[in-house]
């Protein structure tokens, strides 16, 4: 996260920003699972995930601009959790199905 590079005050400011994105990512190491998260900039978040993968093989599949990224992520997680197995932000279902389900709820945020 870029905010960590610039100190705790910047982290505090970053955490106060409501706008941003809810996104869906995948990594072939976890076939059949997608990660649903939130970020101010999903491309920047993708870069952070790449550093934890020696193959740099995370893929950003979908991104939804929202006014409240935390509320949007919560709604997306709740919707997906009703339909499939999940571990934290990871959900076991095809990305296209996750996209359809998130589109059902994300417009509110």
C-alpha atoms as a PDB file:
ATOM      1  CA  UNK A   1       0.000   0.000   0.000  1.00  0.00           C
ATOM      2  CA  UNK A   2       1.455   3.348  -1.032  1.00  0.00           C
ATOM      3  CA  UNK A   3       0.274   5.038   2.163  1.00  0.00           C
ATOM      4  CA  UNK A   4       2.675   2.897   4.199  1.00  0.00           C
ATOM      5  CA  UNK A   5       5.582   4.291   2.225  1.00  0.00           C
ATOM      6  CA  UNK A   6       4.719   7.824   3.279  1.00  0.00           C
ATOM      7  CA  UNK A   7       4.077   7.297   6.985  1.00  0.00           C
ATOM      8  CA  UNK A   8       1.209   6.806   9.416  1.00  0.00           C
ATOM      9  CA  UNK A   9      -0.316  10.250   8.851  1.00  0.00           C
ATOM     10  CA  UNK A  10      -0.773   9.411   5.185  1.00  0.00           C
ATOM     11  CA  UNK A  11      -2.198   6.019   6.207  1.00  0.00           C
ATOM     12  CA  UNK A  12      -4.712   7.861   8.369  1.00  0.00           C
ATOM     13  CA  UNK A  13      -5.734  10.091   5.449  1.00  0.00           C
ATOM     14  CA  UNK A  14      -5.903   7.077   3.117  1.00  0.00           C
ATOM     15  CA  UNK A  15      -8.236   5.270   5.518  1.00  0.00           C
ATOM     16  CA  UNK A  16     -10.592   8.269   5.571  1.00  0.00           C
ATOM     17  CA  UNK A  17     -11.125   8.222   1.800  1.00  0.00           C
ATOM     18  CA  UNK A  18     -14.503   6.624   1.105  1.00  0.00           C
ATOM     19  CA  UNK A  19     -14.448   6.587  -2.699  1.00  0.00           C
ATOM     20  CA  UNK A  20     -12.664   3.946  -4.680  1.00  0.00           C
ATOM     21  CA  UNK A  21     -13.323   0.557  -6.176  1.00  0.00           C
ATOM     22  CA  UNK A  22     -14.492  -2.922  -5.387  1.00  0.00           C
ATOM     23  CA  UNK A  23     -12.616  -5.441  -7.508  1.00  0.00           C
ATOM     24  CA  UNK A  24     -12.336  -9.096  -8.451  1.00  0.00           C
ATOM     25  CA  UNK A  25      -8.889 -10.685  -8.850  1.00  0.00           C
ATOM     26  CA  UNK A  26      -7.740 -14.214  -9.462  1.00  0.00           C
ATOM     27  CA  UNK A  27      -4.546 -16.203  -9.263  1.00  0.00           C
ATOM     28  CA  UNK A  28      -4.099 -19.557 -11.047  1.00  0.00           C
ATOM     29  CA  UNK A  29      -2.549 -20.995  -7.883  1.00  0.00           C
ATOM     30  CA  UNK A  30      -6.073 -21.013  -6.413  1.00  0.00           C
ATOM     31  CA  UNK A  31      -8.042 -22.377  -9.331  1.00  0.00           C
ATOM     32  CA  UNK A  32     -11.769 -21.793  -8.996  1.00  0.00           C
ATOM     33  CA  UNK A  33     -11.389 -19.064  -6.366  1.00  0.00           C
ATOM     34  CA  UNK A  34     -11.611 -15.277  -6.786  1.00  0.00           C
ATOM     35  CA  UNK A  35     -10.548 -12.506  -4.453  1.00  0.00           C
ATOM     36  CA  UNK A  36     -13.027  -9.682  -3.894  1.00  0.00           C
ATOM     37  CA  UNK A  37     -11.595  -6.607  -2.246  1.00  0.00           C
ATOM     38  CA  UNK A  38     -11.606  -2.832  -2.157  1.00  0.00           C
ATOM     39  CA  UNK A  39      -9.050  -0.168  -2.938  1.00  0.00           C
ATOM     40  CA  UNK A  40      -8.762   3.458  -3.877  1.00  0.00           C
ATOM     41  CA  UNK A  41      -6.840   2.282  -6.952  1.00  0.00           C
ATOM     42  CA  UNK A  42      -7.296  -1.400  -7.893  1.00  0.00           C
ATOM     43  CA  UNK A  43      -4.331  -1.315 -10.299  1.00  0.00           C
ATOM     44  CA  UNK A  44      -2.091  -0.218  -7.433  1.00  0.00           C
ATOM     45  CA  UNK A  45      -3.545  -2.977  -5.248  1.00  0.00           C
ATOM     46  CA  UNK A  46      -2.799  -5.503  -8.005  1.00  0.00           C
ATOM     47  CA  UNK A  47       0.845  -4.396  -7.995  1.00  0.00           C
ATOM     48  CA  UNK A  48       0.997  -5.054  -4.243  1.00  0.00           C
ATOM     49  CA  UNK A  49      -0.316  -8.575  -4.686  1.00  0.00           C
ATOM     50  CA  UNK A  50       2.189  -9.262  -7.458  1.00  0.00           C
ATOM     51  CA  UNK A  51       5.064  -8.773  -5.028  1.00  0.00           C
ATOM     52  CA  UNK A  52       3.765 -11.696  -2.933  1.00  0.00           C
ATOM     53  CA  UNK A  53       3.680 -14.021  -5.939  1.00  0.00           C
ATOM     54  CA  UNK A  54       6.944 -15.210  -7.490  1.00  0.00           C
ATOM     55  CA  UNK A  55       5.170 -15.634 -10.838  1.00  0.00           C
ATOM     56  CA  UNK A  56       3.459 -12.200 -10.772  1.00  0.00           C
ATOM     57  CA  UNK A  57       0.318 -13.971 -11.922  1.00  0.00           C
ATOM     58  CA  UNK A  58      -2.533 -12.160 -10.207  1.00  0.00           C
ATOM     59  CA  UNK A  59      -5.061 -10.803 -12.699  1.00  0.00           C
ATOM     60  CA  UNK A  60      -7.495  -7.934 -12.130  1.00  0.00           C
ATOM     61  CA  UNK A  61     -10.698  -9.117 -13.794  1.00  0.00           C
ATOM     62  CA  UNK A  62     -13.394  -6.621 -12.813  1.00  0.00           C
ATOM     63  CA  UNK A  63     -13.450  -3.274 -11.069  1.00  0.00           C
ATOM     64  CA  UNK A  64     -16.450  -1.203  -9.968  1.00  0.00           C
ATOM     65  CA  UNK A  65     -16.160   2.482  -9.083  1.00  0.00           C
ATOM     66  CA  UNK A  66     -18.120   3.249  -5.895  1.00  0.00           C
ATOM     67  CA  UNK A  67     -18.746   6.173  -3.586  1.00  0.00           C
ATOM     68  CA  UNK A  68     -18.122   4.042  -0.484  1.00  0.00           C
ATOM     69  CA  UNK A  69     -15.597   1.285  -1.089  1.00  0.00           C
ATOM     70  CA  UNK A  70     -15.926  -0.280   2.362  1.00  0.00           C
ATOM     71  CA  UNK A  71     -19.729  -0.512   2.184  1.00  0.00           C
ATOM     72  CA  UNK A  72     -19.518  -1.789  -1.388  1.00  0.00           C
ATOM     73  CA  UNK A  73     -17.045  -4.487  -0.425  1.00  0.00           C
ATOM     74  CA  UNK A  74     -19.192  -5.525   2.541  1.00  0.00           C
ATOM     75  CA  UNK A  75     -22.266  -5.820   0.305  1.00  0.00           C
ATOM     76  CA  UNK A  76     -20.321  -7.786  -2.316  1.00  0.00           C
ATOM     77  CA  UNK A  77     -18.933 -10.185   0.290  1.00  0.00           C
ATOM     78  CA  UNK A  78     -22.384 -10.717   1.826  1.00  0.00           C
ATOM     79  CA  UNK A  79     -23.932 -11.459  -1.564  1.00  0.00           C
ATOM     80  CA  UNK A  80     -21.231 -13.937  -2.587  1.00  0.00           C
ATOM     81  CA  UNK A  81     -21.090 -15.659   0.812  1.00  0.00           C
ATOM     82  CA  UNK A  82     -24.742 -16.675   0.397  1.00  0.00           C
ATOM     83  CA  UNK A  83     -23.849 -18.737  -2.678  1.00  0.00           C
ATOM     84  CA  UNK A  84     -20.439 -20.315  -2.173  1.00  0.00           C
ATOM     85  CA  UNK A  85     -17.610 -21.297   0.123  1.00  0.00           C
ATOM     86  CA  UNK A  86     -15.390 -18.458   1.191  1.00  0.00           C
ATOM     87  CA  UNK A  87     -12.300 -17.758   3.248  1.00  0.00           C
ATOM     88  CA  UNK A  88     -12.023 -14.098   4.186  1.00  0.00           C
ATOM     89  CA  UNK A  89     -11.968 -12.220   0.845  1.00  0.00           C
ATOM     90  CA  UNK A  90     -11.637 -15.367  -1.292  1.00  0.00           C
ATOM     91  CA  UNK A  91     -14.734 -16.988  -2.827  1.00  0.00           C
ATOM     92  CA  UNK A  92     -15.023 -20.284  -4.657  1.00  0.00           C
ATOM     93  CA  UNK A  93     -16.998 -19.591  -7.812  1.00  0.00           C
ATOM     94  CA  UNK A  94     -16.336 -18.559 -11.424  1.00  0.00           C
ATOM     95  CA  UNK A  95     -15.339 -14.927 -11.875  1.00  0.00           C
ATOM     96  CA  UNK A  96     -18.186 -14.250 -14.327  1.00  0.00           C
ATOM     97  CA  UNK A  97     -20.743 -15.461 -11.754  1.00  0.00           C
ATOM     98  CA  UNK A  98     -19.106 -13.362  -9.040  1.00  0.00           C
ATOM     99  CA  UNK A  99     -19.342 -10.375 -11.390  1.00  0.00           C
ATOM    100  CA  UNK A 100     -23.065 -10.940 -11.969  1.00  0.00           C
ATOM    101  CA  UNK A 101     -23.766 -11.237  -8.247  1.00  0.00           C
ATOM    102  CA  UNK A 102     -21.763  -8.144  -7.351  1.00  0.00           C
ATOM    103  CA  UNK A 103     -23.537  -6.141 -10.050  1.00  0.00           C
ATOM    104  CA  UNK A 104     -26.807  -7.002  -8.269  1.00  0.00           C
ATOM    105  CA  UNK A 105     -25.733  -5.066  -5.151  1.00  0.00           C
ATOM    106  CA  UNK A 106     -22.918  -2.682  -6.064  1.00  0.00           C
ATOM    107  CA  UNK A 107     -25.058   0.026  -7.691  1.00  0.00           C
ATOM    108  CA  UNK A 108     -26.215   1.105  -4.224  1.00  0.00           C
ATOM    109  CA  UNK A 109     -22.705   2.238  -3.305  1.00  0.00           C
END
